[in-house]
Every structure is written in structure tokens, then in C-alpha cells.
Amino acid sequence: MSIDFGDISAFLAVVRAGGFRDAARSTGDSASRLSEAVRRLEARLGVRLFHRTTRSVELTPVGRELADRLRPALAEVDLALDVVNGYRERIAGRLKLNVPVSAARLVLPDILPPFLAAYPDIHLEIVAEDTFVDLVASGCDAGIRYDERLEQDMIAVPIGPRRQRYALAASPAYLDRHGRPAHPRNLLAHNCIRSRFASGAIAPWELEKDGEVFNVDPTGQLIVGTGASELIVAAATGGVGIMGLFEDWIRPHFSSGALEPVLEEWWPSFSGPYLYYPGRRLVPAPLRALIDFVKARAAAPDQAVRLQSATASSSMASA
């Protein structure tokens, strides 16, 4: 069966946008041309792909199944075509990363400015969220996660600081009023600000000292979603209670005196994050450039790593 590739692209554009008009705005095409392309595809397949009304456009069951199967296939086509970038003098293209909010705050600010300066023809999109995602299904080329959250069958490249600590802190005013905990068990008597993951879970605080691990699940007046860490910091500096967050995130507040370390000798350390991507796919040129850039920085941490596009384009071998 011969199907026009443009009709398939039009169909997926409408699926992504949720309607013909929004798809027309995102693609620069007209709604009528997209509608005609979908009609041709439906006629060729002999099935209806959308339920259309004057107010809405919804996928039929067969349309939904077709879209689910086409997305990864079209992603592979895009990657195959992007390999052509490897033969160009300047690496160009789009790169989309899915990263946790902590990485967007603590890891990427040191990396992205020099990377984008070295590759001015790369267009980068960052999706910052703390939910687990399927990279391929979400349309992302790569992601950043910690080792315990890495998906299977992924290639992982260390990125950012290799050791981090989870810190507890509170405002001096709060500790003056309620006392300073001497042991993790004392946290049960304090107003603790907790974080809830997108899954709904609230993980206990796992603290460690001299090989002794102590898990504590304190309570408090305030629970904040993991994507709103700034609110946690604001509440803690405002005297609400004891908070837990990455040490690097709240270190400036220690320096200013707005926050005071709590049970510092019990802060657990853990390995740093990884840049990860599917290992069974062609690696697009922009992602290859980022991988090489990150590896070069890790190899020369005390030097300003300046990768020229022409040099990087000659090292396009697989990791």
C-alpha cells in the first residue's frame, strides 16, 4: 500500500496539536490543506481516523492505535535524516531534553551557555519535570536522571557534580523557638516541610552517619510538590519549619544566614546525575555534540572547555 509521507505527517501534526487549526499554526500550513491530507489518508486506509464535530476533533480507536505506532517509527526517520548533519561543516538541528527540576537549577546553568555558544546552529528545548517519562514517546532525544531512576537499555554519561548531599535546614528563628535537633529521631517533634512526588508518594528522609542509616518520616503543616522547590525554601526561610533539599540548592542561604544547617553530620551523599539516551537508536548530531561536550568537560574539569563546531563534527563516532 502506497501512502504519501506528507499525509502521515499531517495526521500526526493534528494528533499532537489536538485539532486542525492549532496544527496549522504549529506547522505553518493551512487547516484546509491538513484536513484534505487526513481525508486522503483515511480514504487510502479505508478507515476513519478522527471523529469531527464543529467544536472538537477526537481520535477514533483505530486512529489512536495508528498514532501510537507511527510516533516511534517517525522518530527513527527523523534521526536517520539528522545523521546528514554529521557531514555538514556546522552541526545544526533541534535537541530536546527531559530533566528534573534540580538538574535545571544545579547542573545545566554551567553547561548550556558555553555549549550553545560553541554550537550556534543547535536549537535546544528543555522540559523540566520530576515525573518519569518515556523519552521516545515524549519526543525527547535524551534526559537527565539519577542512577536509581534511569530507564533500562539506556546509555548513561556522567554530567555535573559526581557527589551531592541531601541537606536539612531551617531558619535560625525557627530553631531558636523550637530547639535544634540532636538526633534524627528528634525530627518527629518538629514541623517538617515535606515533598510529594508526582506519583503521590512522600519519601521518608534517609539520614546516615558513620555507617548508621536512620529513616525518619516526620510530619508538618506543609507538603509541596517536587516541582516547586523554591516554595519549600521560601517557607523554610520564613520560619515554617525544617526542610530537606539538595545542599547545592540551599548553600547560598547558609552563606547569607537565612537558613541554618540541621543535623549536618547526618546528611547522606549520593552519586551525581547522568545524561541518558536510548542505546538502540541512531544518535542525532546535536545530541552527539552535547555528549562529546559533556565528556570533554569531565576530562578537563579545571580548564575552560571550548569545542569548535568543526572539531566536534570530526568526532561523530558512537559513544
Protein backbone atom coordinates (compact mmCIF):
# COMPACT_ATOMS: atom_id res chain seq x y z
CA MET A 1 0.00 0.00 0.00
CA SER A 2 1.46 3.32 -1.09
CA ILE A 3 0.90 6.11 1.45
CA ASP A 4 2.02 9.70 1.00
CA PHE A 5 4.54 10.59 3.73
CA GLY A 6 3.18 14.13 3.85
CA ASP A 7 -0.30 12.84 4.66
CA ILE A 8 1.12 10.84 7.55
CA SER A 9 2.97 13.91 8.83
CA ALA A 10 -0.24 15.95 8.59
CA PHE A 11 -2.12 13.30 10.56
CA LEU A 12 0.48 13.30 13.36
CA ALA A 13 0.57 17.11 13.42
CA VAL A 14 -3.18 17.17 14.07
CA VAL A 15 -2.80 14.49 16.75
CA ARG A 16 -0.08 16.47 18.55
CA ALA A 17 -1.96 19.76 18.37
CA GLY A 18 -5.37 18.31 19.18
CA GLY A 19 -7.07 20.00 16.24
CA PHE A 20 -6.65 21.23 12.67
CA ARG A 21 -6.41 24.94 13.47
CA ASP A 22 -3.77 24.51 16.17
CA ALA A 23 -1.88 22.13 13.90
CA ALA A 24 -1.97 24.73 11.13
CA ARG A 25 -0.47 27.33 13.48
CA SER A 26 2.31 24.99 14.60
CA THR A 27 3.22 23.76 11.12
CA GLY A 28 2.67 26.95 9.13
CA ASP A 29 0.29 25.10 6.83
CA SER A 30 -3.40 25.82 6.37
CA ALA A 31 -6.14 23.97 8.23
CA SER A 32 -7.88 23.12 4.95
CA ARG A 33 -4.73 21.51 3.49
CA LEU A 34 -4.19 19.48 6.65
CA SER A 35 -7.82 18.38 6.59
CA GLU A 36 -7.53 17.31 2.96
CA ALA A 37 -4.36 15.36 3.73
CA VAL A 38 -6.09 13.49 6.54
CA ARG A 39 -9.06 12.74 4.29
CA ARG A 40 -6.70 11.28 1.69
CA LEU A 41 -5.07 9.12 4.32
CA GLU A 42 -8.45 7.92 5.60
CA ALA A 43 -9.58 7.12 2.07
CA ARG A 44 -6.37 5.23 1.37
CA LEU A 45 -6.63 3.21 4.59
CA GLY A 46 -10.38 2.75 4.36
CA VAL A 47 -10.97 3.76 8.00
CA ARG A 48 -11.96 6.90 9.87
CA LEU A 49 -9.12 8.32 11.97
CA PHE A 50 -10.90 11.26 13.62
CA HIS A 51 -14.37 11.98 14.94
CA ARG A 52 -15.01 15.54 13.74
CA THR A 53 -17.62 17.94 15.09
CA THR A 54 -17.96 21.71 14.77
CA ARG A 55 -16.32 22.09 18.20
CA SER A 56 -13.86 19.24 18.58
CA VAL A 57 -11.67 16.69 16.87
CA GLU A 58 -11.08 13.36 18.60
CA LEU A 59 -9.18 10.27 17.54
CA THR A 60 -11.11 7.12 16.80
CA PRO A 61 -9.79 3.93 18.43
CA VAL A 62 -8.06 2.93 15.19
CA GLY A 63 -6.69 6.45 14.80
CA ARG A 64 -5.25 6.33 18.31
CA GLU A 65 -3.58 2.98 17.67
CA LEU A 66 -2.16 4.21 14.38
CA ALA A 67 -0.72 7.32 16.05
CA ASP A 68 0.86 5.26 18.84
CA ARG A 69 2.58 3.04 16.28
CA LEU A 70 3.66 5.85 13.97
CA ARG A 71 5.32 8.08 16.59
CA PRO A 72 8.38 5.89 17.27
CA ALA A 73 8.67 4.99 13.58
CA LEU A 74 8.66 8.66 12.53
CA ALA A 75 11.13 9.48 15.30
CA GLU A 76 13.54 6.96 13.79
CA VAL A 77 13.09 8.52 10.36
CA ASP A 78 13.88 11.97 11.78
CA LEU A 79 17.00 10.60 13.46
CA ALA A 80 18.14 8.89 10.28
CA LEU A 81 17.76 12.12 8.32
CA ASP A 82 19.54 14.06 11.04
CA VAL A 83 22.67 11.96 10.53
CA VAL A 84 23.23 14.14 7.48
CA ASN A 85 24.21 16.88 9.92
CA GLY A 86 27.37 14.90 10.59
CA TYR A 87 28.55 15.70 7.07
CA ARG A 88 27.98 19.41 7.35
CA GLU A 89 30.62 21.92 8.32
CA ARG A 90 28.46 23.18 11.18
CA ILE A 91 26.35 20.90 13.38
CA ALA A 92 22.73 22.04 13.36
CA GLY A 93 19.31 20.82 14.38
CA ARG A 94 16.94 20.58 17.30
CA LEU A 95 17.69 18.90 20.62
CA LYS A 96 15.08 18.23 23.28
CA LEU A 97 16.00 17.17 26.82
CA ASN A 98 13.80 16.00 29.69
CA VAL A 99 15.41 16.87 33.03
CA PRO A 100 14.41 17.04 36.69
CA VAL A 101 13.91 20.49 38.16
CA SER A 102 17.03 20.05 40.30
CA ALA A 103 19.18 19.48 37.21
CA ALA A 104 17.72 22.54 35.51
CA ARG A 105 18.73 24.53 38.57
CA LEU A 106 22.05 22.94 39.57
CA VAL A 107 23.60 21.23 36.54
CA LEU A 108 22.60 22.90 33.28
CA PRO A 109 23.42 26.58 34.05
CA ASP A 110 27.16 25.81 33.94
CA ILE A 111 26.93 23.73 30.76
CA LEU A 112 24.39 25.32 28.44
CA PRO A 113 25.90 28.79 27.85
CA PRO A 114 29.29 27.51 26.61
CA PHE A 115 27.63 24.64 24.72
CA LEU A 116 25.21 26.91 22.86
CA ALA A 117 28.00 29.36 22.16
CA ALA A 118 30.06 26.56 20.60
CA TYR A 119 27.12 25.34 18.50
CA PRO A 120 25.06 28.37 17.41
CA ASP A 121 23.04 26.31 14.91
CA ILE A 122 21.66 23.95 17.55
CA HIS A 123 18.21 24.81 18.92
CA LEU A 124 17.75 23.37 22.41
CA GLU A 125 14.49 22.76 24.28
CA ILE A 126 14.48 21.83 27.97
CA VAL A 127 11.48 20.14 29.58
CA ALA A 128 11.93 20.38 33.36
CA GLU A 129 9.73 17.99 35.33
CA ASP A 130 10.14 15.39 38.03
CA THR A 131 7.86 12.74 36.55
CA PHE A 132 9.18 9.60 34.86
CA VAL A 133 8.77 9.73 31.10
CA ASP A 134 9.34 7.52 28.08
CA LEU A 135 11.90 9.52 26.14
CA VAL A 136 10.84 8.23 22.72
CA ALA A 137 7.11 8.61 23.33
CA SER A 138 7.59 12.13 24.73
CA GLY A 139 9.60 13.24 21.72
CA CYS A 140 12.77 13.87 23.73
CA ASP A 141 16.24 12.99 22.46
CA ALA A 142 17.78 12.48 25.88
CA GLY A 143 17.22 13.10 29.58
CA ILE A 144 18.99 13.66 32.86
CA ARG A 145 18.26 11.41 35.83
CA TYR A 146 19.97 9.88 38.83
CA ASP A 147 21.15 6.29 38.59
CA GLU A 148 18.30 4.79 40.61
CA ARG A 149 15.82 6.37 38.19
CA LEU A 150 17.48 5.51 34.90
CA GLU A 151 15.40 3.57 32.42
CA GLN A 152 16.62 0.19 31.24
CA ASP A 153 18.57 -0.22 27.99
CA MET A 154 19.88 3.33 28.18
CA ILE A 155 23.37 4.68 27.67
CA ALA A 156 24.35 6.91 30.61
CA VAL A 157 27.04 9.60 30.60
CA PRO A 158 28.00 11.35 33.88
CA ILE A 159 27.04 15.01 33.87
CA GLY A 160 27.53 17.66 36.54
CA PRO A 161 28.93 17.15 40.07
CA ARG A 162 29.64 13.50 40.86
CA ARG A 163 28.80 13.66 44.53
CA GLN A 164 25.90 15.53 46.07
CA ARG A 165 24.37 15.70 49.52
CA TYR A 166 20.80 15.94 50.75
CA ALA A 167 20.69 18.69 53.35
CA LEU A 168 18.29 19.61 56.15
CA ALA A 169 17.87 23.24 57.13
CA ALA A 170 15.66 25.70 58.95
CA SER A 171 15.69 29.37 59.76
CA PRO A 172 17.61 30.40 62.88
CA ALA A 173 14.40 31.96 64.23
CA TYR A 174 12.52 28.65 63.95
CA LEU A 175 15.33 26.74 65.66
CA ASP A 176 15.57 29.36 68.41
CA ARG A 177 11.84 28.84 69.12
CA HIS A 178 11.67 25.04 68.80
CA GLY A 179 15.16 23.82 69.55
CA ARG A 180 17.91 22.26 67.45
CA PRO A 181 17.57 18.51 66.80
CA ALA A 182 20.50 16.46 68.14
CA HIS A 183 19.40 13.18 66.50
CA PRO A 184 17.16 12.30 63.52
CA ARG A 185 14.52 10.93 65.90
CA ASN A 186 14.09 14.48 67.27
CA LEU A 187 12.67 15.50 63.86
CA LEU A 188 9.42 13.75 64.81
CA ALA A 189 8.77 16.57 67.27
CA HIS A 190 9.31 19.29 64.65
CA ASN A 191 7.22 20.92 61.94
CA CYS A 192 8.88 19.49 58.81
CA ILE A 193 8.23 20.66 55.26
CA ARG A 194 7.80 17.59 53.04
CA SER A 195 7.95 16.99 49.29
CA ARG A 196 5.44 14.91 47.35
CA PHE A 197 6.46 13.22 44.08
CA ALA A 198 4.22 13.31 41.04
CA SER A 199 3.35 9.65 41.79
CA GLY A 200 1.78 10.81 45.06
CA ALA A 201 4.48 9.28 47.25
CA ILE A 202 6.21 11.16 50.06
CA ALA A 203 9.60 9.54 50.59
CA PRO A 204 10.99 9.35 54.12
CA TRP A 205 14.18 11.20 54.94
CA GLU A 206 17.06 8.73 54.88
CA LEU A 207 19.92 10.02 57.01
CA GLU A 208 23.32 8.43 57.59
CA LYS A 209 26.24 8.83 59.99
CA ASP A 210 29.30 6.60 60.39
CA GLY A 211 27.61 3.73 58.57
CA GLU A 212 24.37 4.01 60.58
CA VAL A 213 21.28 4.65 58.43
CA PHE A 214 18.24 6.23 60.05
CA ASN A 215 14.94 6.57 58.18
CA VAL A 216 12.53 9.12 59.58
CA ASP A 217 9.08 10.08 58.32
CA PRO A 218 8.26 13.36 60.10
CA THR A 219 5.07 15.33 59.74
CA GLY A 220 4.35 19.00 59.30
CA GLN A 221 1.88 21.63 58.19
CA LEU A 222 3.19 21.96 54.64
CA ILE A 223 3.61 19.47 51.77
CA VAL A 224 4.90 20.78 48.44
CA GLY A 225 5.19 19.07 45.06
CA THR A 226 8.76 18.34 43.96
CA GLY A 227 8.47 20.83 41.11
CA ALA A 228 8.04 23.77 43.50
CA SER A 229 11.27 23.61 45.50
CA GLU A 230 11.54 27.41 45.58
CA LEU A 231 8.38 27.45 47.70
CA ILE A 232 9.96 24.99 50.12
CA VAL A 233 12.97 27.27 50.51
CA ALA A 234 10.76 30.35 50.94
CA ALA A 235 8.68 28.61 53.60
CA ALA A 236 11.77 27.48 55.49
CA THR A 237 13.41 30.91 55.41
CA GLY A 238 10.08 32.30 56.58
CA GLY A 239 10.24 30.15 59.71
CA VAL A 240 7.63 27.48 58.87
CA GLY A 241 9.83 24.52 59.77
CA ILE A 242 12.68 22.19 58.79
CA MET A 243 13.16 21.46 55.10
CA GLY A 244 15.17 18.93 53.06
CA LEU A 245 16.71 19.67 49.66
CA PHE A 246 19.96 19.41 47.67
CA GLU A 247 22.83 21.06 49.55
CA ASP A 248 23.95 22.93 46.43
CA TRP A 249 20.47 24.45 46.08
CA ILE A 250 20.37 25.97 49.54
CA ARG A 251 24.06 26.70 50.15
CA PRO A 252 23.61 30.42 49.28
CA HIS A 253 21.04 30.66 52.08
CA PHE A 254 23.58 29.22 54.53
CA SER A 255 26.05 31.89 53.47
CA SER A 256 23.51 34.66 53.93
CA GLY A 257 22.36 33.34 57.29
CA ALA A 258 18.74 32.94 56.16
CA LEU A 259 18.99 29.20 56.82
CA GLU A 260 20.96 27.15 59.31
CA PRO A 261 22.15 23.56 58.71
CA VAL A 262 20.29 20.93 60.70
CA LEU A 263 21.91 17.57 61.62
CA GLU A 264 24.71 18.20 59.11
CA GLU A 265 26.71 15.21 60.30
CA TRP A 266 23.77 13.01 59.18
CA TRP A 267 23.40 14.36 55.65
CA PRO A 268 23.54 11.48 53.15
CA SER A 269 25.62 11.72 49.99
CA PHE A 270 24.75 10.15 46.65
CA SER A 271 26.16 9.91 43.14
CA GLY A 272 25.56 12.73 40.69
CA PRO A 273 23.20 12.71 37.70
CA TYR A 274 23.61 11.18 34.24
CA LEU A 275 22.77 12.28 30.75
CA TYR A 276 21.00 9.25 29.27
CA TYR A 277 19.64 8.31 25.87
CA PRO A 278 18.37 5.20 24.03
CA GLY A 279 21.19 2.89 23.08
CA ARG A 280 19.47 1.23 20.14
CA ARG A 281 18.84 4.29 18.04
CA LEU A 282 20.83 6.50 15.75
CA VAL A 283 22.29 9.35 17.77
CA PRO A 284 21.30 12.72 16.21
CA ALA A 285 24.14 15.12 15.56
CA PRO A 286 23.07 17.75 18.15
CA LEU A 287 22.90 15.08 20.87
CA ARG A 288 26.27 13.68 19.82
CA ALA A 289 27.70 17.20 20.12
CA LEU A 290 26.30 17.54 23.66
CA ILE A 291 27.64 14.13 24.68
CA ASP A 292 31.12 14.99 23.41
CA PHE A 293 30.94 18.39 25.10
CA VAL A 294 29.98 16.89 28.47
CA LYS A 295 32.70 14.24 28.24
CA ALA A 296 35.32 16.87 27.38
CA ARG A 297 34.35 18.98 30.39
CA ALA A 298 34.61 15.93 32.65
CA ALA A 299 38.03 15.11 31.25
CA ALA A 300 39.30 18.66 31.88
CA PRO A 301 37.35 19.94 34.90
CA ASP A 302 39.82 22.70 35.72
CA GLN A 303 40.00 24.13 32.23
CA ALA A 304 37.57 26.15 30.15
CA VAL A 305 36.45 23.63 27.55
CA ARG A 306 35.92 25.28 24.20
CA LEU A 307 34.79 22.93 21.48
CA GLN A 308 34.68 24.34 17.98
CA SER A 309 31.93 23.00 15.72
CA ALA A 310 34.40 21.97 13.02
CA THR A 311 36.45 19.96 15.51
CA ALA A 312 33.39 18.30 17.07
CA SER A 313 31.92 17.36 13.70
CA SER A 314 35.01 15.24 13.03
CA SER A 315 34.44 13.15 16.17
CA MET A 316 30.98 11.81 15.41
CA ALA A 317 31.76 8.21 16.28
CA SER A 318 29.34 6.44 18.58
CA ALA A 319 29.91 6.52 22.34
